[in-house]
Protein backbone atom coordinates (compact mmCIF):
# COMPACT_ATOMS: atom_id res chain seq x y z
CA MET A 1 0.37 -0.11 0.07
CA PRO A 2 1.41 3.02 -0.40
CA PHE A 3 2.36 5.16 2.34
CA ARG A 4 0.13 8.79 1.51
CA THR A 5 -2.69 6.35 1.54
CA PHE A 6 -1.63 4.99 5.28
CA SER A 7 -1.03 8.63 6.18
CA LEU A 8 -4.48 9.68 5.23
CA VAL A 9 -5.95 6.86 6.86
CA ILE A 10 -3.80 7.68 10.32
CA SER A 11 -4.25 11.36 9.73
CA LEU A 12 -7.96 10.80 9.26
CA ALA A 13 -8.42 8.48 12.44
CA ALA A 14 -6.01 11.95 14.59
CA MET A 15 -8.45 14.35 13.07
CA PHE A 16 -11.59 12.35 14.21
CA ALA A 17 -10.12 12.03 17.81
CA SER A 18 -9.35 15.30 18.35
CA MET A 19 -12.70 16.38 16.85
CA CYS A 20 -13.97 13.89 20.35
CA GLY A 21 -11.83 16.01 22.56
CA VAL A 22 -13.66 19.03 21.63
CA VAL A 23 -17.16 18.09 22.77
CA ARG A 24 -15.32 15.80 25.85
CA GLY A 25 -15.60 18.84 28.71
CA GLN A 26 -19.63 18.21 27.84
CA GLU A 27 -22.00 15.02 28.67
CA GLU A 28 -22.37 12.94 25.79
CA PRO A 29 -25.07 11.04 25.36
CA GLN A 30 -24.67 7.24 25.68
CA ASP A 31 -26.39 6.64 21.87
CA LEU A 32 -23.78 9.08 20.25
CA VAL A 33 -20.84 7.05 23.04
CA GLN A 34 -22.07 3.43 21.52
CA THR A 35 -22.07 4.82 18.18
CA ARG A 36 -18.84 6.57 17.95
CA ALA A 37 -17.32 3.12 19.62
CA GLN A 38 -19.06 1.32 16.99
CA TYR A 39 -17.51 3.11 14.53
CA GLN A 40 -14.01 2.85 15.54
CA LYS A 41 -14.20 -0.33 16.10
CA ASP A 42 -15.26 -0.71 12.29
CA VAL A 43 -12.75 1.68 10.86
CA GLU A 44 -9.63 -0.58 13.20
CA PHE A 45 -11.31 -3.96 11.20
CA ALA A 46 -11.25 -2.03 7.92
CA THR A 47 -8.00 -0.75 8.17
CA ARG A 48 -6.08 -3.67 10.11
CA PRO A 49 -5.21 -5.74 6.79
CA ILE A 50 -4.02 -2.90 5.19
CA ARG A 51 -1.66 -2.16 8.39
CA ASP A 52 -0.58 -5.62 8.25
CA ARG A 53 0.52 -5.43 5.18
CA TYR A 54 2.26 -2.25 5.17
CA LEU A 55 4.11 -4.13 8.63
CA SER A 56 5.06 -7.14 6.45
CA ARG A 57 6.42 -5.07 3.21
CA LEU A 58 8.75 -3.00 6.37
CA ASP A 59 10.17 -5.64 7.67
CA MET A 60 11.47 -7.23 4.13
CA LEU A 61 12.53 -4.05 3.41
CA LYS A 62 14.43 -3.77 7.15
CA ARG A 63 15.87 -7.43 6.18
CA SER A 64 17.15 -6.35 2.72
CA LEU A 65 18.52 -3.33 4.08
CA GLY A 66 20.32 -5.26 7.22
CA GLY A 67 21.46 -8.08 4.67
CA ARG A 68 23.23 -4.93 2.50
CA GLY A 69 24.90 -3.92 5.91
CA ASP A 70 22.75 -0.38 6.29
CA ALA A 71 22.44 -0.62 9.58
CA ARG A 72 20.96 3.33 9.92
CA GLY A 73 18.16 2.52 6.97
CA ALA A 74 17.10 -1.06 8.83
CA ALA A 75 16.97 1.36 12.21
CA ALA A 76 14.97 4.10 10.33
CA VAL A 77 12.27 1.05 8.80
CA GLN A 78 12.40 -0.06 12.84
CA ASP A 79 11.64 2.81 13.87
CA GLU A 80 8.41 2.80 11.62
CA ILE A 81 7.59 -0.17 12.39
CA ASP A 82 7.04 0.41 15.92
CA ARG A 83 5.43 3.44 15.37
CA VAL A 84 2.81 1.96 13.37
CA ARG A 85 2.23 -0.69 15.95
CA GLY A 86 2.60 1.71 18.76
CA ALA A 87 -0.23 4.04 17.00
CA SER A 88 -2.39 0.54 16.30
CA ALA A 89 -1.71 -0.82 20.30
CA ASP A 90 -4.99 0.84 21.54
CA ALA A 91 -7.00 0.39 18.73
CA SER A 92 -6.19 -3.65 18.42
CA GLY A 93 -6.06 -4.16 22.37
CA LEU A 94 -7.56 -1.43 24.17
CA GLY A 95 -9.92 -0.83 21.70
CA SER A 96 -12.15 -3.24 22.31
CA LEU A 97 -13.23 -2.38 25.50
CA VAL A 98 -14.84 1.29 24.33
CA GLY A 99 -17.99 1.62 25.17
CA VAL A 100 -20.19 1.99 28.23
CA TRP A 101 -19.58 -0.76 30.95
CA LYS A 102 -22.28 -1.63 34.31
CA ILE A 103 -19.58 -3.28 36.45
CA VAL A 104 -21.33 -4.93 39.49
CA TYR A 105 -18.74 -5.58 42.44
CA THR A 106 -19.34 -8.38 44.61
CA THR A 107 -19.89 -5.90 47.56
CA GLY A 108 -23.41 -4.90 44.94
CA ALA A 109 -21.94 -1.64 44.43
CA THR A 110 -22.30 -0.72 40.67
CA ARG A 111 -20.33 2.14 38.56
CA ARG A 112 -20.49 2.96 35.29
CA TYR A 113 -17.49 3.64 33.27
CA THR A 114 -17.25 5.65 29.88
CA ILE A 115 -14.12 3.99 27.62
CA ALA A 116 -13.42 5.92 24.88
CA ALA A 117 -10.94 4.75 22.04
CA ASP A 118 -8.04 7.36 23.10
CA GLY A 119 -7.74 5.04 26.42
CA SER A 120 -10.05 8.16 28.71
CA VAL A 121 -12.17 6.74 30.78
CA THR A 122 -15.13 8.87 33.02
CA HIS A 123 -16.51 7.29 36.06
CA ASP A 124 -20.37 9.25 36.30
CA GLU A 125 -22.18 6.98 38.12
CA ASP A 126 -22.25 5.62 41.26
CA SER A 127 -24.74 2.52 42.75
CA GLY A 128 -27.53 4.03 40.29
CA LYS A 129 -26.39 7.40 41.30
CA VAL A 130 -25.18 9.93 38.89
CA ILE A 131 -22.09 12.01 39.93
CA PRO A 132 -20.12 14.43 39.33
CA PRO A 133 -17.79 13.04 35.97
CA ARG A 134 -14.47 11.80 37.31
CA ALA A 135 -11.60 10.99 34.55
CA GLY A 136 -9.23 8.71 34.68
CA LYS A 137 -6.81 6.65 31.80
CA MET A 138 -7.33 3.16 30.55
CA THR A 139 -3.28 1.93 29.87
CA ALA A 140 -1.67 -1.42 29.21
CA LYS A 141 0.98 -2.32 31.93
CA GLY A 142 2.96 -5.28 30.54
CA THR A 143 0.47 -7.46 30.18
CA ASP A 144 -2.31 -5.65 32.08
CA ILE A 145 -5.32 -3.28 31.10
CA VAL A 146 -5.37 -1.15 34.17
CA ILE A 147 -7.93 2.23 35.11
CA ASP A 148 -5.72 5.03 36.74
CA PHE A 149 -7.91 7.81 38.38
CA ALA A 150 -5.59 9.78 40.07
CA ASP A 151 -7.04 9.13 43.15
CA GLY A 152 -4.47 6.94 45.29
CA ALA A 153 -6.56 3.52 43.62
CA ILE A 154 -6.18 1.15 40.58
CA GLU A 155 -7.90 -1.17 39.08
CA ARG A 156 -6.92 -3.79 36.84
CA LEU A 157 -9.32 -5.10 33.62
CA LYS A 158 -9.54 -8.13 32.43
CA PRO A 159 -11.96 -8.99 28.92
CA SER A 160 -13.45 -12.28 28.92
CA GLY A 161 -15.42 -12.92 26.29
CA LYS A 162 -18.22 -9.86 26.71
CA LYS A 163 -17.24 -9.47 30.39
CA LEU A 164 -14.72 -7.38 31.50
CA VAL A 165 -13.11 -9.13 35.08
CA THR A 166 -12.03 -6.20 36.97
CA GLU A 167 -10.20 -5.99 40.13
CA LEU A 168 -9.58 -2.43 42.18
CA PHE A 169 -6.96 -1.79 44.16
CA THR A 170 -7.52 0.84 46.63
CA ALA A 171 -3.75 1.99 47.04
CA LYS A 172 -1.64 2.00 44.18
CA SER A 173 1.35 0.38 46.31
CA GLN A 174 -0.70 -3.07 46.00
CA TYR A 175 -0.71 -3.57 42.58
CA PRO A 176 0.35 -6.03 40.96
CA ASP A 177 1.43 -8.52 43.48
CA GLY A 178 -1.41 -7.69 46.70
CA LYS A 179 -4.63 -8.33 47.04
CA PRO A 180 -7.15 -6.29 45.18
CA ALA A 181 -10.04 -4.68 47.50
CA PHE A 182 -12.83 -5.32 45.21
CA HIS A 183 -13.86 -7.86 42.33
CA GLY A 184 -16.51 -6.54 39.87
CA THR A 185 -17.38 -7.81 36.70
CA GLY A 186 -18.98 -5.72 33.71
CA THR A 187 -21.55 -5.97 31.16
CA MET A 188 -21.41 -3.20 28.29
CA ILE A 189 -24.50 -1.55 28.00
CA PRO A 190 -26.08 -1.82 24.94
CA ILE A 191 -27.61 1.53 23.18
CA GLY A 192 -30.40 3.33 24.28
CA LYS A 193 -30.14 2.26 27.93
């Protein structure tokens, strides 16, 4: 695939992500959040084969340059491979969690999380009561996916089929080897609920 076409796809995705940030300060309708999540999944599905072909060609080019003794050229190609893989990491790994989730903890308490494609998370409901939105960030830490609301706690997420298993550590120092204070199970909330 020509580099210009790939760059256009990446540019359009970046433009869409920046447009999403303009409205983030306001409360968005859940239908919009869910529709956007489906759109982002569709874009990832459609662009994955293009990205995979590009990565395959880059790998062949890197081997060719390395075989000719062009270490600088091979290193530059590796940088491009790392950039492309990094740009798609959220979409392929964390992107499957994009949407609105209801988390039910073993204590009976519930939370509602809205997870965006850029990894931002909004917690805006506790046990059925709307609360002032709390902003958090979802990131990958090794093989773990965690949410950090910058309140001293950290929550580990584990996708399990269509469910989301969570472990809430009330102190970051307890993560990853300590015992979580709470366990929960999340279910994605359908559009319009």
